[in-house]
Amino acid sequence: MNLANENQLQLLSAALRTVGGNFDVPTLDLILSVLEEVKSKGDTISIGDVKELSQKVMEKYKVDEQNMGQ
């Protein structure tokens, strides 16, 4: 992820907090990554695809499964 995308995720996270949402950057990255995968694969996306994306995001942010989304 480049710096511009990271900044966009930080701004989105801050904006969501102002309306009561509490989404950290890794969670937002995962949501948007899944959205892109759905756009690309449509209804052929699998749970395995989502799990793979989740693992990549966790590795990118060095997040363990128990802390994801907190």
PDB file of N, CA and C in Angstrom:
ATOM      1  N   MET A   1       0.853  -1.164   0.000  1.00  0.00           N
ATOM      2  CA  MET A   1       0.000   0.000   0.000  1.00  0.00           C
ATOM      3  C   MET A   1       0.898   1.225   0.000  1.00  0.00           C
ATOM      4  N   ASN A   2       0.547   2.187  -0.841  1.00  0.00           N
ATOM      5  CA  ASN A   2       1.361   3.385  -0.873  1.00  0.00           C
ATOM      6  C   ASN A   2       0.899   4.386   0.173  1.00  0.00           C
ATOM      7  N   LEU A   3       1.680   5.441   0.345  1.00  0.00           N
ATOM      8  CA  LEU A   3       1.415   6.429   1.385  1.00  0.00           C
ATOM      9  C   LEU A   3       0.075   7.119   1.186  1.00  0.00           C
ATOM     10  N   ALA A   4      -0.300   7.399  -0.063  1.00  0.00           N
ATOM     11  CA  ALA A   4      -1.583   8.051  -0.329  1.00  0.00           C
ATOM     12  C   ALA A   4      -2.739   7.176   0.139  1.00  0.00           C
ATOM     13  N   ASN A   5      -2.686   5.875  -0.142  1.00  0.00           N
ATOM     14  CA  ASN A   5      -3.736   4.970   0.312  1.00  0.00           C
ATOM     15  C   ASN A   5      -3.762   4.875   1.832  1.00  0.00           C
ATOM     16  N   GLU A   6      -2.601   4.834   2.448  1.00  0.00           N
ATOM     17  CA  GLU A   6      -2.517   4.787   3.911  1.00  0.00           C
ATOM     18  C   GLU A   6      -3.149   6.042   4.508  1.00  0.00           C
ATOM     19  N   ASN A   7      -2.841   7.197   3.930  1.00  0.00           N
ATOM     20  CA  ASN A   7      -3.426   8.450   4.415  1.00  0.00           C
ATOM     21  C   ASN A   7      -4.947   8.452   4.240  1.00  0.00           C
ATOM     22  N   GLN A   8      -5.425   7.929   3.123  1.00  0.00           N
ATOM     23  CA  GLN A   8      -6.871   7.854   2.892  1.00  0.00           C
ATOM     24  C   GLN A   8      -7.540   6.971   3.933  1.00  0.00           C
ATOM     25  N   LEU A   9      -6.919   5.837   4.266  1.00  0.00           N
ATOM     26  CA  LEU A   9      -7.482   4.951   5.282  1.00  0.00           C
ATOM     27  C   LEU A   9      -7.476   5.625   6.650  1.00  0.00           C
ATOM     28  N   GLN A  10      -6.421   6.371   6.960  1.00  0.00           N
ATOM     29  CA  GLN A  10      -6.361   7.096   8.236  1.00  0.00           C
ATOM     30  C   GLN A  10      -7.474   8.136   8.307  1.00  0.00           C
ATOM     31  N   LEU A  11      -7.678   8.880   7.219  1.00  0.00           N
ATOM     32  CA  LEU A  11      -8.739   9.889   7.181  1.00  0.00           C
ATOM     33  C   LEU A  11     -10.118   9.249   7.273  1.00  0.00           C
ATOM     34  N   LEU A  12     -10.319   8.154   6.571  1.00  0.00           N
ATOM     35  CA  LEU A  12     -11.598   7.448   6.631  1.00  0.00           C
ATOM     36  C   LEU A  12     -11.860   6.945   8.041  1.00  0.00           C
ATOM     37  N   SER A  13     -10.863   6.395   8.683  1.00  0.00           N
ATOM     38  CA  SER A  13     -11.000   5.913  10.051  1.00  0.00           C
ATOM     39  C   SER A  13     -11.378   7.058  10.986  1.00  0.00           C
ATOM     40  N   ALA A  14     -10.702   8.197  10.846  1.00  0.00           N
ATOM     41  CA  ALA A  14     -11.006   9.367  11.684  1.00  0.00           C
ATOM     42  C   ALA A  14     -12.416   9.876  11.419  1.00  0.00           C
ATOM     43  N   ALA A  15     -12.811   9.926  10.154  1.00  0.00           N
ATOM     44  CA  ALA A  15     -14.153  10.398   9.810  1.00  0.00           C
ATOM     45  C   ALA A  15     -15.224   9.488  10.386  1.00  0.00           C
ATOM     46  N   LEU A  16     -15.009   8.197  10.313  1.00  0.00           N
ATOM     47  CA  LEU A  16     -15.983   7.251  10.858  1.00  0.00           C
ATOM     48  C   LEU A  16     -16.091   7.369  12.375  1.00  0.00           C
ATOM     49  N   ARG A  17     -14.977   7.676  13.037  1.00  0.00           N
ATOM     50  CA  ARG A  17     -15.021   7.858  14.494  1.00  0.00           C
ATOM     51  C   ARG A  17     -15.896   9.052  14.879  1.00  0.00           C
ATOM     52  N   THR A  18     -15.942  10.087  14.026  1.00  0.00           N
ATOM     53  CA  THR A  18     -16.744  11.272  14.347  1.00  0.00           C
ATOM     54  C   THR A  18     -18.238  10.966  14.323  1.00  0.00           C
ATOM     55  N   VAL A  19     -18.631   9.915  13.633  1.00  0.00           N
ATOM     56  CA  VAL A  19     -20.047   9.535  13.594  1.00  0.00           C
ATOM     57  C   VAL A  19     -20.316   8.267  14.394  1.00  0.00           C
ATOM     58  N   GLY A  20     -19.371   7.900  15.240  1.00  0.00           N
ATOM     59  CA  GLY A  20     -19.589   6.777  16.139  1.00  0.00           C
ATOM     60  C   GLY A  20     -19.049   5.447  15.659  1.00  0.00           C
ATOM     61  N   GLY A  21     -18.463   5.404  14.473  1.00  0.00           N
ATOM     62  CA  GLY A  21     -17.863   4.157  13.981  1.00  0.00           C
ATOM     63  C   GLY A  21     -16.463   4.009  14.546  1.00  0.00           C
ATOM     64  N   ASN A  22     -16.065   2.805  14.802  1.00  0.00           N
ATOM     65  CA  ASN A  22     -14.728   2.581  15.345  1.00  0.00           C
ATOM     66  C   ASN A  22     -14.043   1.501  14.517  1.00  0.00           C
ATOM     67  N   PHE A  23     -13.500   1.902  13.382  1.00  0.00           N
ATOM     68  CA  PHE A  23     -12.819   0.987  12.481  1.00  0.00           C
ATOM     69  C   PHE A  23     -11.356   1.398  12.383  1.00  0.00           C
ATOM     70  N   ASP A  24     -10.459   0.497  12.752  1.00  0.00           N
ATOM     71  CA  ASP A  24      -9.041   0.797  12.626  1.00  0.00           C
ATOM     72  C   ASP A  24      -8.604   0.604  11.179  1.00  0.00           C
ATOM     73  N   VAL A  25      -7.394   1.044  10.884  1.00  0.00           N
ATOM     74  CA  VAL A  25      -6.878   0.992   9.512  1.00  0.00           C
ATOM     75  C   VAL A  25      -6.821  -0.435   8.971  1.00  0.00           C
ATOM     76  N   PRO A  26      -6.315  -1.428   9.718  1.00  0.00           N
ATOM     77  CA  PRO A  26      -6.299  -2.792   9.167  1.00  0.00           C
ATOM     78  C   PRO A  26      -7.698  -3.310   8.820  1.00  0.00           C
ATOM     79  N   THR A  27      -8.692  -2.995   9.656  1.00  0.00           N
ATOM     80  CA  THR A  27     -10.059  -3.443   9.379  1.00  0.00           C
ATOM     81  C   THR A  27     -10.591  -2.778   8.119  1.00  0.00           C
ATOM     82  N   LEU A  28     -10.367  -1.475   7.978  1.00  0.00           N
ATOM     83  CA  LEU A  28     -10.813  -0.773   6.775  1.00  0.00           C
ATOM     84  C   LEU A  28     -10.101  -1.309   5.540  1.00  0.00           C
ATOM     85  N   ASP A  29      -8.817  -1.580   5.663  1.00  0.00           N
ATOM     86  CA  ASP A  29      -8.057  -2.136   4.542  1.00  0.00           C
ATOM     87  C   ASP A  29      -8.650  -3.478   4.125  1.00  0.00           C
ATOM     88  N   LEU A  30      -8.989  -4.315   5.098  1.00  0.00           N
ATOM     89  CA  LEU A  30      -9.590  -5.613   4.784  1.00  0.00           C
ATOM     90  C   LEU A  30     -10.945  -5.439   4.104  1.00  0.00           C
ATOM     91  N   ILE A  31     -11.778  -4.557   4.634  1.00  0.00           N
ATOM     92  CA  ILE A  31     -13.101  -4.319   4.035  1.00  0.00           C
ATOM     93  C   ILE A  31     -12.960  -3.876   2.586  1.00  0.00           C
ATOM     94  N   LEU A  32     -12.072  -2.910   2.344  1.00  0.00           N
ATOM     95  CA  LEU A  32     -11.905  -2.394   0.980  1.00  0.00           C
ATOM     96  C   LEU A  32     -11.243  -3.421   0.068  1.00  0.00           C
ATOM     97  N   SER A  33     -10.358  -4.240   0.619  1.00  0.00           N
ATOM     98  CA  SER A  33      -9.737  -5.299  -0.182  1.00  0.00           C
ATOM     99  C   SER A  33     -10.768  -6.344  -0.600  1.00  0.00           C
ATOM    100  N   VAL A  34     -11.648  -6.704   0.324  1.00  0.00           N
ATOM    101  CA  VAL A  34     -12.714  -7.653  -0.008  1.00  0.00           C
ATOM    102  C   VAL A  34     -13.644  -7.049  -1.042  1.00  0.00           C
ATOM    103  N   LEU A  35     -13.962  -5.766  -0.903  1.00  0.00           N
ATOM    104  CA  LEU A  35     -14.814  -5.095  -1.892  1.00  0.00           C
ATOM    105  C   LEU A  35     -14.196  -5.167  -3.288  1.00  0.00           C
ATOM    106  N   GLU A  36     -12.904  -4.903  -3.379  1.00  0.00           N
ATOM    107  CA  GLU A  36     -12.226  -4.981  -4.680  1.00  0.00           C
ATOM    108  C   GLU A  36     -12.267  -6.402  -5.242  1.00  0.00           C
ATOM    109  N   GLU A  37     -12.099  -7.381  -4.378  1.00  0.00           N
ATOM    110  CA  GLU A  37     -12.142  -8.781  -4.808  1.00  0.00           C
ATOM    111  C   GLU A  37     -13.546  -9.150  -5.307  1.00  0.00           C
ATOM    112  N   VAL A  38     -14.558  -8.655  -4.622  1.00  0.00           N
ATOM    113  CA  VAL A  38     -15.942  -8.909  -5.042  1.00  0.00           C
ATOM    114  C   VAL A  38     -16.197  -8.254  -6.395  1.00  0.00           C
ATOM    115  N   LYS A  39     -15.703  -7.043  -6.574  1.00  0.00           N
ATOM    116  CA  LYS A  39     -15.861  -6.362  -7.869  1.00  0.00           C
ATOM    117  C   LYS A  39     -15.182  -7.153  -8.979  1.00  0.00           C
ATOM    118  N   SER A  40     -14.038  -7.723  -8.669  1.00  0.00           N
ATOM    119  CA  SER A  40     -13.278  -8.447  -9.679  1.00  0.00           C
ATOM    120  C   SER A  40     -13.840  -9.837  -9.953  1.00  0.00           C
ATOM    121  N   LYS A  41     -14.237 -10.560  -8.905  1.00  0.00           N
ATOM    122  CA  LYS A  41     -14.686 -11.945  -9.079  1.00  0.00           C
ATOM    123  C   LYS A  41     -16.189 -12.110  -9.079  1.00  0.00           C
ATOM    124  N   GLY A  42     -16.899 -11.092  -8.625  1.00  0.00           N
ATOM    125  CA  GLY A  42     -18.359 -11.204  -8.565  1.00  0.00           C
ATOM    126  C   GLY A  42     -18.786 -12.286  -7.597  1.00  0.00           C
ATOM    127  N   ASP A  43     -19.789 -13.029  -7.987  1.00  0.00           N
ATOM    128  CA  ASP A  43     -20.335 -14.045  -7.078  1.00  0.00           C
ATOM    129  C   ASP A  43     -19.517 -15.330  -7.038  1.00  0.00           C
ATOM    130  N   THR A  44     -18.356 -15.319  -7.681  1.00  0.00           N
ATOM    131  CA  THR A  44     -17.494 -16.499  -7.610  1.00  0.00           C
ATOM    132  C   THR A  44     -16.471 -16.389  -6.476  1.00  0.00           C
ATOM    133  N   ILE A  45     -16.516 -15.309  -5.721  1.00  0.00           N
ATOM    134  CA  ILE A  45     -15.594 -15.159  -4.587  1.00  0.00           C
ATOM    135  C   ILE A  45     -15.903 -16.244  -3.557  1.00  0.00           C
ATOM    136  N   SER A  46     -14.859 -16.759  -2.954  1.00  0.00           N
ATOM    137  CA  SER A  46     -15.041 -17.837  -1.978  1.00  0.00           C
ATOM    138  C   SER A  46     -14.589 -17.390  -0.592  1.00  0.00           C
ATOM    139  N   ILE A  47     -14.993 -18.159   0.393  1.00  0.00           N
ATOM    140  CA  ILE A  47     -14.533 -17.915   1.755  1.00  0.00           C
ATOM    141  C   ILE A  47     -13.004 -18.023   1.805  1.00  0.00           C
ATOM    142  N   GLY A  48     -12.452 -18.924   1.024  1.00  0.00           N
ATOM    143  CA  GLY A  48     -10.991 -19.064   0.958  1.00  0.00           C
ATOM    144  C   GLY A  48     -10.324 -17.800   0.455  1.00  0.00           C
ATOM    145  N   ASP A  49     -10.944 -17.133  -0.534  1.00  0.00           N
ATOM    146  CA  ASP A  49     -10.411 -15.869  -1.040  1.00  0.00           C
ATOM    147  C   ASP A  49     -10.396 -14.812   0.069  1.00  0.00           C
ATOM    148  N   VAL A  50     -11.476 -14.744   0.821  1.00  0.00           N
ATOM    149  CA  VAL A  50     -11.581 -13.770   1.907  1.00  0.00           C
ATOM    150  C   VAL A  50     -10.559 -14.085   2.999  1.00  0.00           C
ATOM    151  N   LYS A  51     -10.408 -15.349   3.313  1.00  0.00           N
ATOM    152  CA  LYS A  51      -9.424 -15.744   4.337  1.00  0.00           C
ATOM    153  C   LYS A  51      -8.013 -15.376   3.888  1.00  0.00           C
ATOM    154  N   GLU A  52      -7.705 -15.592   2.619  1.00  0.00           N
ATOM    155  CA  GLU A  52      -6.389 -15.245   2.090  1.00  0.00           C
ATOM    156  C   GLU A  52      -6.144 -13.737   2.195  1.00  0.00           C
ATOM    157  N   LEU A  53      -7.148 -12.950   1.829  1.00  0.00           N
ATOM    158  CA  LEU A  53      -7.022 -11.493   1.955  1.00  0.00           C
ATOM    159  C   LEU A  53      -6.815 -11.092   3.411  1.00  0.00           C
ATOM    160  N   SER A  54      -7.563 -11.713   4.299  1.00  0.00           N
ATOM    161  CA  SER A  54      -7.454 -11.418   5.720  1.00  0.00           C
ATOM    162  C   SER A  54      -6.046 -11.707   6.235  1.00  0.00           C
ATOM    163  N   GLN A  55      -5.486 -12.830   5.821  1.00  0.00           N
ATOM    164  CA  GLN A  55      -4.133 -13.185   6.250  1.00  0.00           C
ATOM    165  C   GLN A  55      -3.108 -12.179   5.730  1.00  0.00           C
ATOM    166  N   LYS A  56      -3.285 -11.730   4.477  1.00  0.00           N
ATOM    167  CA  LYS A  56      -2.362 -10.746   3.909  1.00  0.00           C
ATOM    168  C   LYS A  56      -2.424  -9.434   4.682  1.00  0.00           C
ATOM    169  N   VAL A  57      -3.630  -9.004   5.031  1.00  0.00           N
ATOM    170  CA  VAL A  57      -3.785  -7.757   5.784  1.00  0.00           C
ATOM    171  C   VAL A  57      -3.171  -7.905   7.173  1.00  0.00           C
ATOM    172  N   MET A  58      -3.415  -9.036   7.819  1.00  0.00           N
ATOM    173  CA  MET A  58      -2.847  -9.256   9.157  1.00  0.00           C
ATOM    174  C   MET A  58      -1.322  -9.235   9.107  1.00  0.00           C
ATOM    175  N   GLU A  59      -0.756  -9.846   8.070  1.00  0.00           N
ATOM    176  CA  GLU A  59       0.704  -9.842   7.929  1.00  0.00           C
ATOM    177  C   GLU A  59       1.216  -8.431   7.657  1.00  0.00           C
ATOM    178  N   LYS A  60       0.500  -7.683   6.803  1.00  0.00           N
ATOM    179  CA  LYS A  60       0.918  -6.338   6.439  1.00  0.00           C
ATOM    180  C   LYS A  60       0.995  -5.443   7.672  1.00  0.00           C
ATOM    181  N   TYR A  61       0.010  -5.560   8.545  1.00  0.00           N
ATOM    182  CA  TYR A  61      -0.051  -4.700   9.723  1.00  0.00           C
ATOM    183  C   TYR A  61       0.467  -5.388  10.981  1.00  0.00           C
ATOM    184  N   LYS A  62       0.967  -6.602  10.820  1.00  0.00           N
ATOM    185  CA  LYS A  62       1.475  -7.385  11.951  1.00  0.00           C
ATOM    186  C   LYS A  62       0.439  -7.465  13.064  1.00  0.00           C
ATOM    187  N   VAL A  63      -0.763  -7.863  12.660  1.00  0.00           N
ATOM    188  CA  VAL A  63      -1.898  -7.972  13.575  1.00  0.00           C
ATOM    189  C   VAL A  63      -2.165  -9.446  13.813  1.00  0.00           C
ATOM    190  N   ASP A  64      -2.446  -9.817  15.073  1.00  0.00           N
ATOM    191  CA  ASP A  64      -2.850 -11.201  15.306  1.00  0.00           C
ATOM    192  C   ASP A  64      -4.368 -11.275  15.258  1.00  0.00           C
ATOM    193  N   GLU A  65      -4.891 -12.463  14.999  1.00  0.00           N
ATOM    194  CA  GLU A  65      -6.334 -12.648  14.791  1.00  0.00           C
ATOM    195  C   GLU A  65      -7.163 -12.152  15.954  1.00  0.00           C
ATOM    196  N   GLN A  66      -6.704 -12.309  17.171  1.00  0.00           N
ATOM    197  CA  GLN A  66      -7.489 -11.922  18.336  1.00  0.00           C
ATOM    198  C   GLN A  66      -7.650 -10.406  18.432  1.00  0.00           C
ATOM    199  N   ASN A  67      -6.722  -9.639  17.862  1.00  0.00           N
ATOM    200  CA  ASN A  67      -6.783  -8.180  17.970  1.00  0.00           C
ATOM    201  C   ASN A  67      -7.377  -7.531  16.730  1.00  0.00           C
ATOM    202  N   MET A  68      -7.688  -8.296  15.692  1.00  0.00           N
ATOM    203  CA  MET A  68      -8.230  -7.725  14.459  1.00  0.00           C
ATOM    204  C   MET A  68      -9.561  -7.048  14.757  1.00  0.00           C
ATOM    205  N   GLY A  69      -9.671  -5.787  14.384  1.00  0.00           N
ATOM    206  CA  GLY A  69     -10.912  -5.047  14.556  1.00  0.00           C
ATOM    207  C   GLY A  69     -11.078  -4.392  15.910  1.00  0.00           C
ATOM    208  N   GLN A  70     -10.083  -4.492  16.757  1.00  0.00           N
ATOM    209  CA  GLN A  70     -10.197  -3.862  18.078  1.00  0.00           C
ATOM    210  C   GLN A  70      -9.495  -2.532  18.086  1.00  0.00           C
TER     211      GLN A  70
END
